[in-house]
Amino acid sequence: MTDNSMMKSNSIPKKNILITGASGLIGTRLIKNLLERGHNISVLSRQSSGFKGIKVYNWDVERQLIDLNAFEGIDTIIHLAGAGIADQRWTKQRKLEIVNSRVKSTQLLYQTIEAINAPVKTLISASAVGFYGNRNDEILYENSGSGTGFLADCCRQWEEAVDQGLESAIRVVKLRIGMVLSREGGALSELARPVSFFVGAPLGSGKQWMPWIHLTDLISIIENAIDNPDYSGTFNASTPYPVTNYEFTKILARKLFRPVWPVNVPEFMLKTMLGEMSSVILSSNRTSPKKLMQMGFNFRYQVLDAALSEIYSH
């Protein structure tokens, strides 16, 4: 149970929830929390194993195949599926896989809902702050336009596919998620590795803004979006206090009792090593969770120091 629950759990109607991308960092924690809240949970997955105590239904996005039984009685879908952005170098083929895993999976969900007249009322979908592209110091709200580059193009296509649900009177919630911080892994473990080995240094100019969110807060946002029908449209799912890459590196190093080198890792070196994928760490997104704050959402971990203290206290 999180501090940001909109009502007492015993007064919240229990939902029948279908989750895609359930084996990832977010999905794993989300399933645990939602089961504790008494919701009925099932997942769509390419693999039948790896999930305990919940129903698993198979789908194959590439072949556009899906088990129709997965939608029986489902009123809420949480759509987290998508190929990993930073898992492989961005070849032309890999970029196509990243886009298709998001767009075609969304299309398959809606096509199935329509074909069998499934009782789905709400679809909550992941998106990403990459929607905004590289915007330097500009403060980015939910109504800010999309940027340029592969990530921005991918997110724009992704969200356009998600919005198709509006034509069927489905309540659509899109969460533009920042870097998720958790002790269970994810981006933080990758950023902490060089710092742990005494080679921590700011990346590129170090001035690029890094929107972030503690996993606990992200789960609370999703829970609120499930429970509260006033949640609708796009939300920046990141803390009110983003930090620059330099600030992030400095605070992380302090938590790990490690030094920060007085020189930055040059941008050209990152581009040489990572190619176009270097934009993931070099782009600047100074996002503001304005809509969440207007909804009265209270972040448990607003500042990076507190978030990292909680994570590394274990």
C-alpha atoms as a PDB file:
ATOM      1  CA  MET A   1       0.000   0.000   0.000  1.00  0.00           C
ATOM      2  CA  THR A   2       1.392   3.397  -0.888  1.00  0.00           C
ATOM      3  CA  ASP A   3       0.949   6.783   0.768  1.00  0.00           C
ATOM      4  CA  ASN A   4      -0.653   8.182  -2.364  1.00  0.00           C
ATOM      5  CA  SER A   5      -3.748   5.973  -2.408  1.00  0.00           C
ATOM      6  CA  MET A   6      -6.743   8.110  -3.284  1.00  0.00           C
ATOM      7  CA  MET A   7      -9.082   6.178  -0.985  1.00  0.00           C
ATOM      8  CA  LYS A   8      -8.903   3.458   1.613  1.00  0.00           C
ATOM      9  CA  SER A   9      -8.298   0.143  -0.077  1.00  0.00           C
ATOM     10  CA  ASN A  10     -11.504  -1.407   1.217  1.00  0.00           C
ATOM     11  CA  SER A  11     -13.557   1.315  -0.498  1.00  0.00           C
ATOM     12  CA  ILE A  12     -11.899   0.974  -3.914  1.00  0.00           C
ATOM     13  CA  PRO A  13     -13.753  -1.240  -6.373  1.00  0.00           C
ATOM     14  CA  LYS A  14     -11.621  -4.222  -7.281  1.00  0.00           C
ATOM     15  CA  LYS A  15     -10.573  -4.297 -10.939  1.00  0.00           C
ATOM     16  CA  ASN A  16      -9.884  -7.058 -13.405  1.00  0.00           C
ATOM     17  CA  ILE A  17      -6.539  -5.928 -14.794  1.00  0.00           C
ATOM     18  CA  LEU A  18      -4.553  -7.248 -17.748  1.00  0.00           C
ATOM     19  CA  ILE A  19      -0.877  -6.250 -17.873  1.00  0.00           C
ATOM     20  CA  THR A  20       1.550  -6.349 -20.812  1.00  0.00           C
ATOM     21  CA  GLY A  21       5.308  -6.092 -20.315  1.00  0.00           C
ATOM     22  CA  ALA A  22       4.745  -7.584 -16.885  1.00  0.00           C
ATOM     23  CA  SER A  23       8.185  -9.175 -16.480  1.00  0.00           C
ATOM     24  CA  GLY A  24      10.077  -5.876 -16.451  1.00  0.00           C
ATOM     25  CA  LEU A  25      11.151  -3.694 -13.536  1.00  0.00           C
ATOM     26  CA  ILE A  26       7.859  -1.781 -13.368  1.00  0.00           C
ATOM     27  CA  GLY A  27       5.567  -4.712 -14.085  1.00  0.00           C
ATOM     28  CA  THR A  28       7.104  -6.976 -11.456  1.00  0.00           C
ATOM     29  CA  ARG A  29       6.590  -4.485  -8.636  1.00  0.00           C
ATOM     30  CA  LEU A  30       3.204  -3.416  -9.979  1.00  0.00           C
ATOM     31  CA  ILE A  31       1.804  -6.964  -9.919  1.00  0.00           C
ATOM     32  CA  LYS A  32       2.886  -7.395  -6.292  1.00  0.00           C
ATOM     33  CA  ASN A  33       1.241  -4.138  -5.226  1.00  0.00           C
ATOM     34  CA  LEU A  34      -1.984  -4.662  -7.140  1.00  0.00           C
ATOM     35  CA  LEU A  35      -2.422  -8.179  -5.764  1.00  0.00           C
ATOM     36  CA  GLU A  36      -1.971  -6.794  -2.247  1.00  0.00           C
ATOM     37  CA  ARG A  37      -4.739  -4.289  -3.012  1.00  0.00           C
ATOM     38  CA  GLY A  38      -7.070  -7.129  -3.937  1.00  0.00           C
ATOM     39  CA  HIS A  39      -7.274  -6.614  -7.697  1.00  0.00           C
ATOM     40  CA  ASN A  40      -7.561  -9.573 -10.066  1.00  0.00           C
ATOM     41  CA  ILE A  41      -4.423  -9.659 -12.208  1.00  0.00           C
ATOM     42  CA  SER A  42      -3.560 -11.498 -15.417  1.00  0.00           C
ATOM     43  CA  VAL A  43      -0.787 -10.912 -17.931  1.00  0.00           C
ATOM     44  CA  LEU A  44      -0.114 -11.144 -21.633  1.00  0.00           C
ATOM     45  CA  SER A  45       3.308 -12.605 -22.315  1.00  0.00           C
ATOM     46  CA  ARG A  46       5.307 -14.429 -24.949  1.00  0.00           C
ATOM     47  CA  GLN A  47       6.268 -16.960 -22.286  1.00  0.00           C
ATOM     48  CA  SER A  48       3.977 -18.905 -19.976  1.00  0.00           C
ATOM     49  CA  SER A  49       6.522 -19.357 -17.182  1.00  0.00           C
ATOM     50  CA  GLY A  50       7.939 -16.844 -14.734  1.00  0.00           C
ATOM     51  CA  PHE A  51       4.671 -15.704 -13.136  1.00  0.00           C
ATOM     52  CA  LYS A  52       3.302 -17.174  -9.913  1.00  0.00           C
ATOM     53  CA  GLY A  53      -0.282 -17.045  -8.744  1.00  0.00           C
ATOM     54  CA  ILE A  54      -1.716 -15.204 -11.752  1.00  0.00           C
ATOM     55  CA  LYS A  55      -3.169 -16.204 -15.099  1.00  0.00           C
ATOM     56  CA  VAL A  56      -0.837 -15.945 -18.071  1.00  0.00           C
ATOM     57  CA  TYR A  57      -2.073 -15.654 -21.644  1.00  0.00           C
ATOM     58  CA  ASN A  58       0.119 -15.827 -24.724  1.00  0.00           C
ATOM     59  CA  TRP A  59       0.503 -13.279 -27.479  1.00  0.00           C
ATOM     60  CA  ASP A  60       2.894 -12.760 -30.358  1.00  0.00           C
ATOM     61  CA  VAL A  61       2.999  -9.161 -31.537  1.00  0.00           C
ATOM     62  CA  GLU A  62       5.143  -9.840 -34.598  1.00  0.00           C
ATOM     63  CA  ARG A  63       2.690 -12.467 -35.852  1.00  0.00           C
ATOM     64  CA  GLN A  64      -0.303 -10.487 -34.530  1.00  0.00           C
ATOM     65  CA  LEU A  65      -1.561 -13.469 -32.521  1.00  0.00           C
ATOM     66  CA  ILE A  66      -3.292 -13.200 -29.167  1.00  0.00           C
ATOM     67  CA  ASP A  67      -5.287 -15.421 -26.800  1.00  0.00           C
ATOM     68  CA  LEU A  68      -8.820 -14.022 -26.820  1.00  0.00           C
ATOM     69  CA  ASN A  69      -9.488 -15.526 -23.399  1.00  0.00           C
ATOM     70  CA  ALA A  70      -7.168 -12.917 -21.902  1.00  0.00           C
ATOM     71  CA  PHE A  71      -9.851 -10.257 -22.280  1.00  0.00           C
ATOM     72  CA  GLU A  72     -12.687 -12.068 -20.515  1.00  0.00           C
ATOM     73  CA  GLY A  73     -14.080  -9.709 -17.870  1.00  0.00           C
ATOM     74  CA  ILE A  74     -11.137  -7.291 -18.190  1.00  0.00           C
ATOM     75  CA  ASP A  75     -11.977  -3.652 -17.440  1.00  0.00           C
ATOM     76  CA  THR A  76      -8.434  -2.221 -17.219  1.00  0.00           C
ATOM     77  CA  ILE A  77      -5.293  -2.757 -19.304  1.00  0.00           C
ATOM     78  CA  ILE A  78      -1.860  -1.574 -18.213  1.00  0.00           C
ATOM     79  CA  HIS A  79       0.308  -1.531 -21.313  1.00  0.00           C
ATOM     80  CA  LEU A  80       4.041  -1.628 -20.515  1.00  0.00           C
ATOM     81  CA  ALA A  81       5.271  -3.787 -23.413  1.00  0.00           C
ATOM     82  CA  GLY A  82       8.115  -2.635 -25.620  1.00  0.00           C
ATOM     83  CA  ALA A  83      11.593  -3.700 -26.710  1.00  0.00           C
ATOM     84  CA  GLY A  84      14.365  -2.275 -24.529  1.00  0.00           C
ATOM     85  CA  ILE A  85      15.555   1.119 -25.709  1.00  0.00           C
ATOM     86  CA  ALA A  86      19.171   0.615 -24.636  1.00  0.00           C
ATOM     87  CA  ASP A  87      19.494  -3.159 -24.880  1.00  0.00           C
ATOM     88  CA  GLN A  88      21.187  -3.164 -28.291  1.00  0.00           C
ATOM     89  CA  ARG A  89      22.919  -0.748 -30.639  1.00  0.00           C
ATOM     90  CA  TRP A  90      20.464   1.159 -32.820  1.00  0.00           C
ATOM     91  CA  THR A  91      20.722  -0.417 -36.228  1.00  0.00           C
ATOM     92  CA  LYS A  92      17.970   0.264 -38.747  1.00  0.00           C
ATOM     93  CA  GLN A  93      16.439  -3.113 -37.907  1.00  0.00           C
ATOM     94  CA  ARG A  94      16.656  -2.558 -34.158  1.00  0.00           C
ATOM     95  CA  LYS A  95      14.954   0.828 -34.385  1.00  0.00           C
ATOM     96  CA  LEU A  96      12.135  -0.771 -36.357  1.00  0.00           C
ATOM     97  CA  GLU A  97      11.787  -3.440 -33.646  1.00  0.00           C
ATOM     98  CA  ILE A  98      11.619  -0.769 -30.930  1.00  0.00           C
ATOM     99  CA  VAL A  99       8.838   1.124 -32.706  1.00  0.00           C
ATOM    100  CA  ASN A 100       6.858  -1.933 -33.800  1.00  0.00           C
ATOM    101  CA  SER A 101       6.958  -3.519 -30.350  1.00  0.00           C
ATOM    102  CA  ARG A 102       5.097  -0.470 -29.065  1.00  0.00           C
ATOM    103  CA  VAL A 103       2.857   0.551 -31.948  1.00  0.00           C
ATOM    104  CA  LYS A 104       1.849  -2.892 -33.231  1.00  0.00           C
ATOM    105  CA  SER A 105       1.257  -4.243 -29.735  1.00  0.00           C
ATOM    106  CA  THR A 106      -1.106  -1.351 -29.050  1.00  0.00           C
ATOM    107  CA  GLN A 107      -2.893  -1.872 -32.343  1.00  0.00           C
ATOM    108  CA  LEU A 108      -3.286  -5.576 -31.583  1.00  0.00           C
ATOM    109  CA  LEU A 109      -4.881  -4.802 -28.223  1.00  0.00           C
ATOM    110  CA  TYR A 110      -7.420  -2.406 -29.706  1.00  0.00           C
ATOM    111  CA  GLN A 111      -8.217  -4.625 -32.676  1.00  0.00           C
ATOM    112  CA  THR A 112      -8.949  -7.485 -30.297  1.00  0.00           C
ATOM    113  CA  ILE A 113     -11.040  -5.346 -27.949  1.00  0.00           C
ATOM    114  CA  GLU A 114     -13.170  -4.224 -30.881  1.00  0.00           C
ATOM    115  CA  ALA A 115     -13.419  -7.655 -32.489  1.00  0.00           C
ATOM    116  CA  ILE A 116     -14.756  -9.416 -29.379  1.00  0.00           C
ATOM    117  CA  ASN A 117     -16.427  -6.387 -27.786  1.00  0.00           C
ATOM    118  CA  ALA A 118     -14.279  -6.728 -24.664  1.00  0.00           C
ATOM    119  CA  PRO A 119     -15.497  -4.712 -21.639  1.00  0.00           C
ATOM    120  CA  VAL A 120     -12.297  -2.644 -21.358  1.00  0.00           C
ATOM    121  CA  LYS A 121     -12.965   0.825 -19.939  1.00  0.00           C
ATOM    122  CA  THR A 122      -9.426   2.045 -19.174  1.00  0.00           C
ATOM    123  CA  LEU A 123      -6.025   1.692 -20.836  1.00  0.00           C
ATOM    124  CA  ILE A 124      -2.970   3.019 -19.020  1.00  0.00           C
ATOM    125  CA  SER A 125       0.101   3.079 -21.240  1.00  0.00           C
ATOM    126  CA  ALA A 126       3.742   3.750 -20.667  1.00  0.00           C
ATOM    127  CA  SER A 127       5.400   6.393 -22.810  1.00  0.00           C
ATOM    128  CA  ALA A 128       8.661   8.245 -22.187  1.00  0.00           C
ATOM    129  CA  VAL A 129      10.130  11.711 -21.723  1.00  0.00           C
ATOM    130  CA  GLY A 130      12.017  10.990 -24.943  1.00  0.00           C
ATOM    131  CA  PHE A 131       8.860  12.384 -26.580  1.00  0.00           C
ATOM    132  CA  TYR A 132      10.297  15.882 -26.087  1.00  0.00           C
ATOM    133  CA  GLY A 133      13.661  15.310 -27.765  1.00  0.00           C
ATOM    134  CA  ASN A 134      16.692  17.370 -26.755  1.00  0.00           C
ATOM    135  CA  ARG A 135      15.321  20.658 -25.371  1.00  0.00           C
ATOM    136  CA  ASN A 136      18.241  22.041 -23.325  1.00  0.00           C
ATOM    137  CA  ASP A 137      16.919  24.174 -20.414  1.00  0.00           C
ATOM    138  CA  GLU A 138      13.318  24.540 -21.633  1.00  0.00           C
ATOM    139  CA  ILE A 139      10.781  23.523 -18.972  1.00  0.00           C
ATOM    140  CA  LEU A 140       8.571  20.862 -20.537  1.00  0.00           C
ATOM    141  CA  TYR A 141       4.925  20.474 -19.609  1.00  0.00           C
ATOM    142  CA  GLU A 142       2.453  17.895 -20.855  1.00  0.00           C
ATOM    143  CA  ASN A 143       1.224  20.286 -23.564  1.00  0.00           C
ATOM    144  CA  SER A 144       4.733  20.979 -24.866  1.00  0.00           C
ATOM    145  CA  GLY A 145       5.232  19.795 -28.438  1.00  0.00           C
ATOM    146  CA  SER A 146       7.218  16.740 -29.421  1.00  0.00           C
ATOM    147  CA  GLY A 147      10.868  17.034 -30.342  1.00  0.00           C
ATOM    148  CA  THR A 148      13.024  15.602 -33.099  1.00  0.00           C
ATOM    149  CA  GLY A 149      15.144  12.483 -33.353  1.00  0.00           C
ATOM    150  CA  PHE A 150      14.421   8.774 -33.145  1.00  0.00           C
ATOM    151  CA  LEU A 151      13.171   8.683 -29.552  1.00  0.00           C
ATOM    152  CA  ALA A 152      10.779  11.567 -30.144  1.00  0.00           C
ATOM    153  CA  ASP A 153       9.479   9.962 -33.344  1.00  0.00           C
ATOM    154  CA  CYS A 154       9.053   6.611 -31.571  1.00  0.00           C
ATOM    155  CA  CYS A 155       7.150   8.107 -28.641  1.00  0.00           C
ATOM    156  CA  ARG A 156       4.937  10.157 -30.928  1.00  0.00           C
ATOM    157  CA  GLN A 157       3.925   7.092 -32.960  1.00  0.00           C
ATOM    158  CA  TRP A 158       3.451   5.137 -29.743  1.00  0.00           C
ATOM    159  CA  GLU A 159       1.121   7.736 -28.234  1.00  0.00           C
ATOM    160  CA  GLU A 160      -0.823   8.149 -31.465  1.00  0.00           C
ATOM    161  CA  ALA A 161      -1.494   4.400 -31.425  1.00  0.00           C
ATOM    162  CA  VAL A 162      -2.599   4.570 -27.780  1.00  0.00           C
ATOM    163  CA  ASP A 163      -4.977   7.455 -28.529  1.00  0.00           C
ATOM    164  CA  GLN A 164      -6.927   5.262 -30.939  1.00  0.00           C
ATOM    165  CA  GLY A 165      -8.739   3.927 -27.890  1.00  0.00           C
ATOM    166  CA  LEU A 166     -10.512   7.251 -27.529  1.00  0.00           C
ATOM    167  CA  GLU A 167     -12.596   6.365 -30.584  1.00  0.00           C
ATOM    168  CA  SER A 168     -14.043   3.471 -28.579  1.00  0.00           C
ATOM    169  CA  ALA A 169     -14.741   5.638 -25.509  1.00  0.00           C
ATOM    170  CA  ILE A 170     -11.876   4.054 -23.586  1.00  0.00           C
ATOM    171  CA  ARG A 171     -10.292   6.222 -20.894  1.00  0.00           C
ATOM    172  CA  VAL A 172      -6.689   6.603 -22.023  1.00  0.00           C
ATOM    173  CA  VAL A 173      -3.839   7.524 -19.681  1.00  0.00           C
ATOM    174  CA  LYS A 174      -0.333   8.056 -21.096  1.00  0.00           C
ATOM    175  CA  LEU A 175       2.594   8.262 -18.691  1.00  0.00           C
ATOM    176  CA  ARG A 176       5.738   9.923 -20.043  1.00  0.00           C
ATOM    177  CA  ILE A 177       8.127   8.218 -17.681  1.00  0.00           C
ATOM    178  CA  GLY A 178      11.529   9.539 -16.689  1.00  0.00           C
ATOM    179  CA  MET A 179      14.451   7.400 -15.549  1.00  0.00           C
ATOM    180  CA  VAL A 180      13.096   4.923 -13.006  1.00  0.00           C
ATOM    181  CA  LEU A 181      15.239   4.550  -9.890  1.00  0.00           C
ATOM    182  CA  SER A 182      15.086   1.271  -7.993  1.00  0.00           C
ATOM    183  CA  ARG A 183      17.319  -1.077  -6.069  1.00  0.00           C
ATOM    184  CA  GLU A 184      15.990  -3.890  -8.260  1.00  0.00           C
ATOM    185  CA  GLY A 185      18.005  -2.755 -11.283  1.00  0.00           C
ATOM    186  CA  GLY A 186      17.231  -0.659 -14.334  1.00  0.00           C
ATOM    187  CA  ALA A 187      19.182   2.416 -15.407  1.00  0.00           C
ATOM    188  CA  LEU A 188      20.508   3.183 -11.928  1.00  0.00           C
ATOM    189  CA  SER A 189      22.616   0.035 -11.788  1.00  0.00           C
ATOM    190  CA  GLU A 190      24.211   0.952 -15.114  1.00  0.00           C
ATOM    191  CA  LEU A 191      24.983   4.505 -13.992  1.00  0.00           C
ATOM    192  CA  ALA A 192      26.296   3.320 -10.633  1.00  0.00           C
ATOM    193  CA  ARG A 193      28.711   0.760 -12.067  1.00  0.00           C
ATOM    194  CA  PRO A 194      31.485   3.164 -13.208  1.00  0.00           C
ATOM    195  CA  VAL A 195      31.068   5.229 -10.055  1.00  0.00           C
ATOM    196  CA  SER A 196      31.482   2.087  -7.932  1.00  0.00           C
ATOM    197  CA  PHE A 197      34.726   1.320  -9.753  1.00  0.00           C
ATOM    198  CA  PHE A 198      36.124   4.796  -9.044  1.00  0.00           C
ATOM    199  CA  VAL A 199      35.692   6.043 -12.626  1.00  0.00           C
ATOM    200  CA  GLY A 200      32.566   8.159 -12.171  1.00  0.00           C
ATOM    201  CA  ALA A 201      32.422  11.322 -14.265  1.00  0.00           C
ATOM    202  CA  PRO A 202      29.741  13.531 -15.818  1.00  0.00           C
ATOM    203  CA  LEU A 203      28.712  12.490 -19.324  1.00  0.00           C
ATOM    204  CA  GLY A 204      29.037  14.908 -22.215  1.00  0.00           C
ATOM    205  CA  SER A 205      28.619  18.486 -21.023  1.00  0.00           C
ATOM    206  CA  GLY A 206      27.033  17.254 -17.800  1.00  0.00           C
ATOM    207  CA  LYS A 207      24.496  20.079 -18.162  1.00  0.00           C
ATOM    208  CA  GLN A 208      21.742  17.937 -19.680  1.00  0.00           C
ATOM    209  CA  TRP A 209      18.641  17.588 -17.503  1.00  0.00           C
ATOM    210  CA  MET A 210      17.711  14.094 -16.336  1.00  0.00           C
ATOM    211  CA  PRO A 211      14.071  13.586 -15.355  1.00  0.00           C
ATOM    212  CA  TRP A 212      13.813  10.741 -12.856  1.00  0.00           C
ATOM    213  CA  ILE A 213      11.286   9.033 -10.598  1.00  0.00           C
ATOM    214  CA  HIS A 214      11.536   6.566  -7.749  1.00  0.00           C
ATOM    215  CA  LEU A 215       9.832   3.269  -8.580  1.00  0.00           C
ATOM    216  CA  THR A 216       7.610   3.605  -5.507  1.00  0.00           C
ATOM    217  CA  ASP A 217       6.186   6.885  -6.800  1.00  0.00           C
ATOM    218  CA  LEU A 218       5.662   5.525 -10.300  1.00  0.00           C
ATOM    219  CA  ILE A 219       3.684   2.584  -8.928  1.00  0.00           C
ATOM    220  CA  SER A 220       1.579   5.034  -6.898  1.00  0.00           C
ATOM    221  CA  ILE A 221       0.832   7.053 -10.031  1.00  0.00           C
ATOM    222  CA  ILE A 222      -0.343   3.935 -11.860  1.00  0.00           C
ATOM    223  CA  GLU A 223      -2.469   2.887  -8.876  1.00  0.00           C
ATOM    224  CA  ASN A 224      -4.096   6.312  -8.794  1.00  0.00           C
ATOM    225  CA  ALA A 225      -4.730   6.178 -12.538  1.00  0.00           C
ATOM    226  CA  ILE A 226      -6.502   2.854 -12.030  1.00  0.00           C
ATOM    227  CA  ASP A 227      -8.649   4.072  -9.149  1.00  0.00           C
ATOM    228  CA  ASN A 228      -9.408   7.659 -10.144  1.00  0.00           C
ATOM    229  CA  PRO A 229     -11.450   8.197 -13.339  1.00  0.00           C
ATOM    230  CA  ASP A 230     -10.330  11.844 -13.415  1.00  0.00           C
ATOM    231  CA  TYR A 231      -6.905  10.679 -14.536  1.00  0.00           C
ATOM    232  CA  SER A 232      -7.036  11.059 -18.301  1.00  0.00           C
ATOM    233  CA  GLY A 233      -4.657  12.061 -21.087  1.00  0.00           C
ATOM    234  CA  THR A 234      -0.926  12.652 -20.761  1.00  0.00           C
ATOM    235  CA  PHE A 235       1.102  12.963 -17.554  1.00  0.00           C
ATOM    236  CA  ASN A 236       4.813  13.582 -17.051  1.00  0.00           C
ATOM    237  CA  ALA A 237       5.730  10.781 -14.656  1.00  0.00           C
ATOM    238  CA  SER A 238       8.862  12.273 -13.144  1.00  0.00           C
ATOM    239  CA  THR A 239       9.758  14.190 -10.009  1.00  0.00           C
ATOM    240  CA  PRO A 240       9.220  17.977  -9.784  1.00  0.00           C
ATOM    241  CA  TYR A 241      12.983  18.294  -9.293  1.00  0.00           C
ATOM    242  CA  PRO A 242      14.987  16.936 -12.230  1.00  0.00           C
ATOM    243  CA  VAL A 243      18.761  17.248 -11.961  1.00  0.00           C
ATOM    244  CA  THR A 244      21.565  17.733 -14.439  1.00  0.00           C
ATOM    245  CA  ASN A 245      23.817  14.823 -15.279  1.00  0.00           C
ATOM    246  CA  TYR A 246      26.613  16.479 -13.303  1.00  0.00           C
ATOM    247  CA  GLU A 247      24.402  16.832 -10.227  1.00  0.00           C
ATOM    248  CA  PHE A 248      23.178  13.260 -10.560  1.00  0.00           C
ATOM    249  CA  THR A 249      26.731  11.908 -10.782  1.00  0.00           C
ATOM    250  CA  LYS A 250      27.879  13.966  -7.805  1.00  0.00           C
ATOM    251  CA  ILE A 251      24.990  12.886  -5.545  1.00  0.00           C
ATOM    252  CA  LEU A 252      25.272   9.245  -6.633  1.00  0.00           C
ATOM    253  CA  ALA A 253      29.004   9.227  -5.923  1.00  0.00           C
ATOM    254  CA  ARG A 254      28.404  10.657  -2.465  1.00  0.00           C
ATOM    255  CA  LYS A 255      25.910   7.887  -1.666  1.00  0.00           C
ATOM    256  CA  LEU A 256      28.421   5.272  -2.832  1.00  0.00           C
ATOM    257  CA  PHE A 257      31.330   6.938  -0.989  1.00  0.00           C
ATOM    258  CA  ARG A 258      33.226   7.378  -4.220  1.00  0.00           C
ATOM    259  CA  PRO A 259      34.938  10.368  -5.860  1.00  0.00           C
ATOM    260  CA  VAL A 260      33.879  12.073  -9.093  1.00  0.00           C
ATOM    261  CA  TRP A 261      36.573  12.695 -11.647  1.00  0.00           C
ATOM    262  CA  PRO A 262      37.143  16.390 -12.419  1.00  0.00           C
ATOM    263  CA  VAL A 263      36.873  15.759 -16.179  1.00  0.00           C
ATOM    264  CA  ASN A 264      33.799  14.852 -18.221  1.00  0.00           C
ATOM    265  CA  VAL A 265      33.427  11.913 -20.577  1.00  0.00           C
ATOM    266  CA  PRO A 266      33.560  13.696 -23.972  1.00  0.00           C
ATOM    267  CA  GLU A 267      30.430  13.694 -26.105  1.00  0.00           C
ATOM    268  CA  PHE A 268      32.356  12.475 -29.160  1.00  0.00           C
ATOM    269  CA  MET A 269      33.554   9.442 -27.199  1.00  0.00           C
ATOM    270  CA  LEU A 270      29.996   8.524 -26.187  1.00  0.00           C
ATOM    271  CA  LYS A 271      28.825   8.890 -29.788  1.00  0.00           C
ATOM    272  CA  THR A 272      31.697   6.711 -30.972  1.00  0.00           C
ATOM    273  CA  MET A 273      30.873   3.986 -28.462  1.00  0.00           C
ATOM    274  CA  LEU A 274      27.080   4.113 -28.638  1.00  0.00           C
ATOM    275  CA  GLY A 275      26.286   5.681 -31.989  1.00  0.00           C
ATOM    276  CA  GLU A 276      22.833   7.255 -32.252  1.00  0.00           C
ATOM    277  CA  MET A 277      21.845   5.573 -28.973  1.00  0.00           C
ATOM    278  CA  SER A 278      24.042   8.116 -27.164  1.00  0.00           C
ATOM    279  CA  SER A 279      21.066  10.488 -27.388  1.00  0.00           C
ATOM    280  CA  VAL A 280      19.518   8.536 -24.496  1.00  0.00           C
ATOM    281  CA  ILE A 281      22.095  10.006 -22.119  1.00  0.00           C
ATOM    282  CA  LEU A 282      22.974  13.239 -23.937  1.00  0.00           C
ATOM    283  CA  SER A 283      19.468  14.628 -24.497  1.00  0.00           C
ATOM    284  CA  SER A 284      18.216  17.228 -22.051  1.00  0.00           C
ATOM    285  CA  ASN A 285      14.611  16.930 -20.808  1.00  0.00           C
ATOM    286  CA  ARG A 286      13.634  19.354 -18.068  1.00  0.00           C
ATOM    287  CA  THR A 287      10.158  17.999 -17.467  1.00  0.00           C
ATOM    288  CA  SER A 288       7.542  19.234 -15.009  1.00  0.00           C
ATOM    289  CA  PRO A 289       4.799  16.930 -13.595  1.00  0.00           C
ATOM    290  CA  LYS A 290       2.344  19.833 -13.648  1.00  0.00           C
ATOM    291  CA  LYS A 291      -0.771  17.738 -14.274  1.00  0.00           C
ATOM    292  CA  LEU A 292       0.051  15.231 -11.527  1.00  0.00           C
ATOM    293  CA  MET A 293       0.518  18.059  -9.058  1.00  0.00           C
ATOM    294  CA  GLN A 294      -2.785  19.595 -10.147  1.00  0.00           C
ATOM    295  CA  MET A 295      -4.375  16.215  -9.403  1.00  0.00           C
ATOM    296  CA  GLY A 296      -3.005  16.469  -5.872  1.00  0.00           C
ATOM    297  CA  PHE A 297      -0.407  13.741  -6.257  1.00  0.00           C
ATOM    298  CA  ASN A 298       2.257  13.843  -3.552  1.00  0.00           C
ATOM    299  CA  PHE A 299       5.653  12.457  -4.426  1.00  0.00           C
ATOM    300  CA  ARG A 300       7.169  10.424  -1.634  1.00  0.00           C
ATOM    301  CA  TYR A 301      10.646  11.027  -3.085  1.00  0.00           C
ATOM    302  CA  GLN A 302      10.815  14.515  -4.547  1.00  0.00           C
ATOM    303  CA  VAL A 303      14.555  15.098  -4.358  1.00  0.00           C
ATOM    304  CA  LEU A 304      17.317  12.818  -5.601  1.00  0.00           C
ATOM    305  CA  ASP A 305      19.234  12.746  -2.324  1.00  0.00           C
ATOM    306  CA  ALA A 306      16.243  11.245  -0.494  1.00  0.00           C
ATOM    307  CA  ALA A 307      15.514   8.757  -3.279  1.00  0.00           C
ATOM    308  CA  LEU A 308      19.077   7.433  -3.393  1.00  0.00           C
ATOM    309  CA  SER A 309      19.288   7.365   0.405  1.00  0.00           C
ATOM    310  CA  GLU A 310      16.257   5.046   0.490  1.00  0.00           C
ATOM    311  CA  ILE A 311      17.645   2.821  -2.261  1.00  0.00           C
ATOM    312  CA  TYR A 312      21.148   2.469  -0.839  1.00  0.00           C
ATOM    313  CA  SER A 313      20.048   2.208   2.780  1.00  0.00           C
ATOM    314  CA  HIS A 314      19.373  -1.450   1.961  1.00  0.00           C
END
